[in-house]
N, C-alpha and C. Protein backbone atom coordinates (compact mmCIF):
# COMPACT_ATOMS: atom_id res chain seq x y z
N GLY A 1 -38.39 88.83 89.93
CA GLY A 1 -39.28 89.07 91.02
C GLY A 1 -38.99 90.34 91.79
N THR A 2 -38.00 91.14 91.35
CA THR A 2 -37.69 92.34 92.12
C THR A 2 -38.22 93.62 91.48
N LEU A 3 -38.54 93.58 90.21
CA LEU A 3 -38.97 94.80 89.52
C LEU A 3 -40.33 95.29 90.00
N TYR A 4 -41.30 94.41 90.06
CA TYR A 4 -42.65 94.86 90.41
C TYR A 4 -42.77 95.37 91.84
N PRO A 5 -42.13 94.75 92.82
CA PRO A 5 -42.18 95.35 94.16
C PRO A 5 -41.61 96.77 94.19
N VAL A 6 -40.56 97.01 93.42
CA VAL A 6 -39.97 98.36 93.36
C VAL A 6 -40.97 99.32 92.71
N LEU A 7 -41.58 98.90 91.61
CA LEU A 7 -42.57 99.76 90.95
C LEU A 7 -43.74 100.07 91.88
N TYR A 8 -44.20 99.08 92.63
CA TYR A 8 -45.31 99.31 93.56
C TYR A 8 -44.91 100.30 94.65
N ARG A 9 -43.67 100.20 95.16
CA ARG A 9 -43.21 101.14 96.18
C ARG A 9 -43.10 102.56 95.61
N LEU A 10 -42.58 102.68 94.40
CA LEU A 10 -42.48 104.00 93.77
C LEU A 10 -43.86 104.60 93.54
N GLU A 11 -44.81 103.76 93.15
CA GLU A 11 -46.17 104.24 92.94
C GLU A 11 -46.80 104.68 94.26
N SER A 12 -46.60 103.89 95.30
CA SER A 12 -47.15 104.24 96.62
C SER A 12 -46.56 105.54 97.15
N ALA A 13 -45.30 105.79 96.81
CA ALA A 13 -44.63 107.01 97.26
C ALA A 13 -44.99 108.22 96.40
N GLY A 14 -45.76 108.00 95.33
CA GLY A 14 -46.16 109.11 94.48
C GLY A 14 -45.09 109.55 93.49
N LEU A 15 -44.09 108.70 93.26
CA LEU A 15 -43.00 109.06 92.37
C LEU A 15 -43.27 108.65 90.92
N ILE A 16 -44.16 107.68 90.74
CA ILE A 16 -44.59 107.28 89.40
C ILE A 16 -46.10 107.09 89.40
N GLU A 17 -46.69 107.14 88.22
CA GLU A 17 -48.11 106.87 88.04
C GLU A 17 -48.24 105.74 87.03
N ALA A 18 -49.26 104.90 87.22
CA ALA A 18 -49.49 103.79 86.31
C ALA A 18 -50.80 104.00 85.56
N ARG A 19 -50.83 103.49 84.34
CA ARG A 19 -52.08 103.49 83.58
C ARG A 19 -52.13 102.19 82.78
N TRP A 20 -53.33 101.71 82.58
CA TRP A 20 -53.55 100.51 81.78
C TRP A 20 -53.95 100.91 80.38
N GLU A 21 -53.44 100.19 79.39
CA GLU A 21 -53.82 100.43 78.01
C GLU A 21 -54.09 99.09 77.35
N THR A 22 -55.20 99.04 76.63
CA THR A 22 -55.56 97.82 75.92
C THR A 22 -55.69 98.14 74.44
N ARG A 23 -54.93 97.46 73.63
CA ARG A 23 -55.02 97.61 72.18
C ARG A 23 -56.22 96.82 71.68
N GLU A 24 -56.57 97.01 70.42
CA GLU A 24 -57.69 96.28 69.86
C GLU A 24 -57.48 94.78 69.98
N ARG A 25 -56.26 94.36 69.73
CA ARG A 25 -55.92 92.94 69.89
C ARG A 25 -54.75 92.84 70.85
N GLY A 26 -54.84 91.94 71.76
CA GLY A 26 -53.74 91.77 72.69
C GLY A 26 -54.20 91.93 74.13
N VAL A 27 -53.27 91.72 75.00
CA VAL A 27 -53.56 91.78 76.43
C VAL A 27 -53.37 93.21 76.94
N PRO A 28 -54.06 93.57 78.00
CA PRO A 28 -53.85 94.90 78.59
C PRO A 28 -52.41 95.03 79.09
N ARG A 29 -51.86 96.23 78.96
CA ARG A 29 -50.50 96.50 79.42
C ARG A 29 -50.52 97.68 80.36
N LYS A 30 -49.65 97.62 81.34
CA LYS A 30 -49.53 98.69 82.30
C LYS A 30 -48.31 99.54 81.95
N TYR A 31 -48.53 100.84 81.87
CA TYR A 31 -47.45 101.78 81.56
C TYR A 31 -47.24 102.69 82.76
N TYR A 32 -45.97 103.03 82.99
CA TYR A 32 -45.62 103.89 84.11
C TYR A 32 -45.02 105.18 83.58
N ARG A 33 -45.28 106.26 84.31
CA ARG A 33 -44.67 107.54 83.99
C ARG A 33 -44.24 108.23 85.27
N LEU A 34 -43.19 109.02 85.16
CA LEU A 34 -42.65 109.76 86.28
C LEU A 34 -43.57 110.92 86.62
N THR A 35 -43.83 111.13 87.89
CA THR A 35 -44.61 112.28 88.32
C THR A 35 -43.64 113.47 88.53
N GLU A 36 -44.20 114.64 88.81
CA GLU A 36 -43.33 115.80 89.09
C GLU A 36 -42.46 115.52 90.31
N ALA A 37 -43.06 114.91 91.34
CA ALA A 37 -42.28 114.56 92.54
C ALA A 37 -41.20 113.55 92.19
N GLY A 38 -41.52 112.62 91.31
CA GLY A 38 -40.54 111.63 90.87
C GLY A 38 -39.39 112.27 90.11
N ALA A 39 -39.71 113.25 89.28
CA ALA A 39 -38.66 113.94 88.52
C ALA A 39 -37.73 114.71 89.46
N ARG A 40 -38.31 115.33 90.50
CA ARG A 40 -37.47 116.04 91.48
C ARG A 40 -36.57 115.06 92.23
N GLU A 41 -37.14 113.94 92.63
CA GLU A 41 -36.36 112.92 93.35
C GLU A 41 -35.26 112.36 92.46
N LEU A 42 -35.57 112.12 91.20
CA LEU A 42 -34.57 111.62 90.26
C LEU A 42 -33.44 112.62 90.10
N ALA A 43 -33.75 113.89 89.95
CA ALA A 43 -32.72 114.92 89.81
C ALA A 43 -31.83 114.96 91.05
N SER A 44 -32.42 114.82 92.21
CA SER A 44 -31.64 114.80 93.45
C SER A 44 -30.71 113.59 93.50
N LEU A 45 -31.24 112.44 93.14
CA LEU A 45 -30.43 111.22 93.17
C LEU A 45 -29.32 111.24 92.12
N VAL A 46 -29.59 111.81 90.97
CA VAL A 46 -28.56 111.95 89.94
C VAL A 46 -27.44 112.86 90.45
N GLY A 47 -27.82 113.95 91.11
CA GLY A 47 -26.81 114.84 91.69
C GLY A 47 -25.96 114.12 92.73
N ASP A 48 -26.61 113.34 93.59
CA ASP A 48 -25.87 112.55 94.59
C ASP A 48 -24.91 111.58 93.91
N TRP A 49 -25.40 110.91 92.86
CA TRP A 49 -24.57 109.92 92.16
C TRP A 49 -23.37 110.61 91.50
N CYS A 50 -23.59 111.75 90.88
CA CYS A 50 -22.49 112.46 90.22
C CYS A 50 -21.43 112.89 91.24
N ALA A 51 -21.85 113.35 92.40
CA ALA A 51 -20.90 113.74 93.44
C ALA A 51 -20.11 112.52 93.93
N PHE A 52 -20.79 111.41 94.11
CA PHE A 52 -20.13 110.17 94.55
C PHE A 52 -19.13 109.70 93.49
N ALA A 53 -19.57 109.67 92.23
CA ALA A 53 -18.69 109.21 91.15
C ALA A 53 -17.47 110.11 91.02
N ALA A 54 -17.64 111.42 91.17
CA ALA A 54 -16.51 112.34 91.09
C ALA A 54 -15.53 112.08 92.23
N ALA A 55 -16.04 111.81 93.42
CA ALA A 55 -15.16 111.52 94.56
C ALA A 55 -14.38 110.23 94.32
N VAL A 56 -15.03 109.21 93.81
CA VAL A 56 -14.34 107.95 93.53
C VAL A 56 -13.30 108.16 92.44
N ASN A 57 -13.63 108.92 91.40
CA ASN A 57 -12.66 109.20 90.34
C ASN A 57 -11.44 109.95 90.87
N ARG A 58 -11.68 110.89 91.81
CA ARG A 58 -10.54 111.60 92.41
C ARG A 58 -9.66 110.63 93.19
N LEU A 59 -10.27 109.73 93.94
CA LEU A 59 -9.50 108.75 94.70
C LEU A 59 -8.70 107.84 93.77
N LEU A 60 -9.31 107.39 92.71
CA LEU A 60 -8.62 106.51 91.78
C LEU A 60 -7.48 107.23 91.07
N SER A 61 -7.67 108.50 90.76
CA SER A 61 -6.62 109.28 90.10
C SER A 61 -5.42 109.44 91.02
N VAL A 62 -5.66 109.66 92.31
CA VAL A 62 -4.57 109.82 93.27
C VAL A 62 -3.83 108.51 93.42
N GLU A 63 -4.55 107.41 93.48
CA GLU A 63 -3.92 106.10 93.69
C GLU A 63 -3.08 105.66 92.51
N ASP A 64 -3.49 105.98 91.29
CA ASP A 64 -2.69 105.51 90.14
C ASP A 64 -1.64 106.53 89.70
N GLY A 65 -1.48 107.62 90.45
CA GLY A 65 -0.42 108.56 90.23
C GLY A 65 -0.67 109.58 89.14
N THR A 66 -1.90 109.73 88.68
CA THR A 66 -2.17 110.72 87.64
C THR A 66 -2.35 112.09 88.21
N ARG A 67 -2.30 112.24 89.50
CA ARG A 67 -2.42 113.56 90.13
C ARG A 67 -1.16 113.88 90.87
């Protein structure tokens, strides 16, 4: 129950776009794609995550005596 609310928020923020596709047989399916704004936001968040992970790794290295 948590995935769709997140997708709806991302769509409302303009970070993803949705489209419906119906095959000859089967039920309609909704597909999502990243927008340009979404790609920029993702790049920013990845940069933040990498900086955080590097800081944690430095702390762990100091604590276990490898530095």
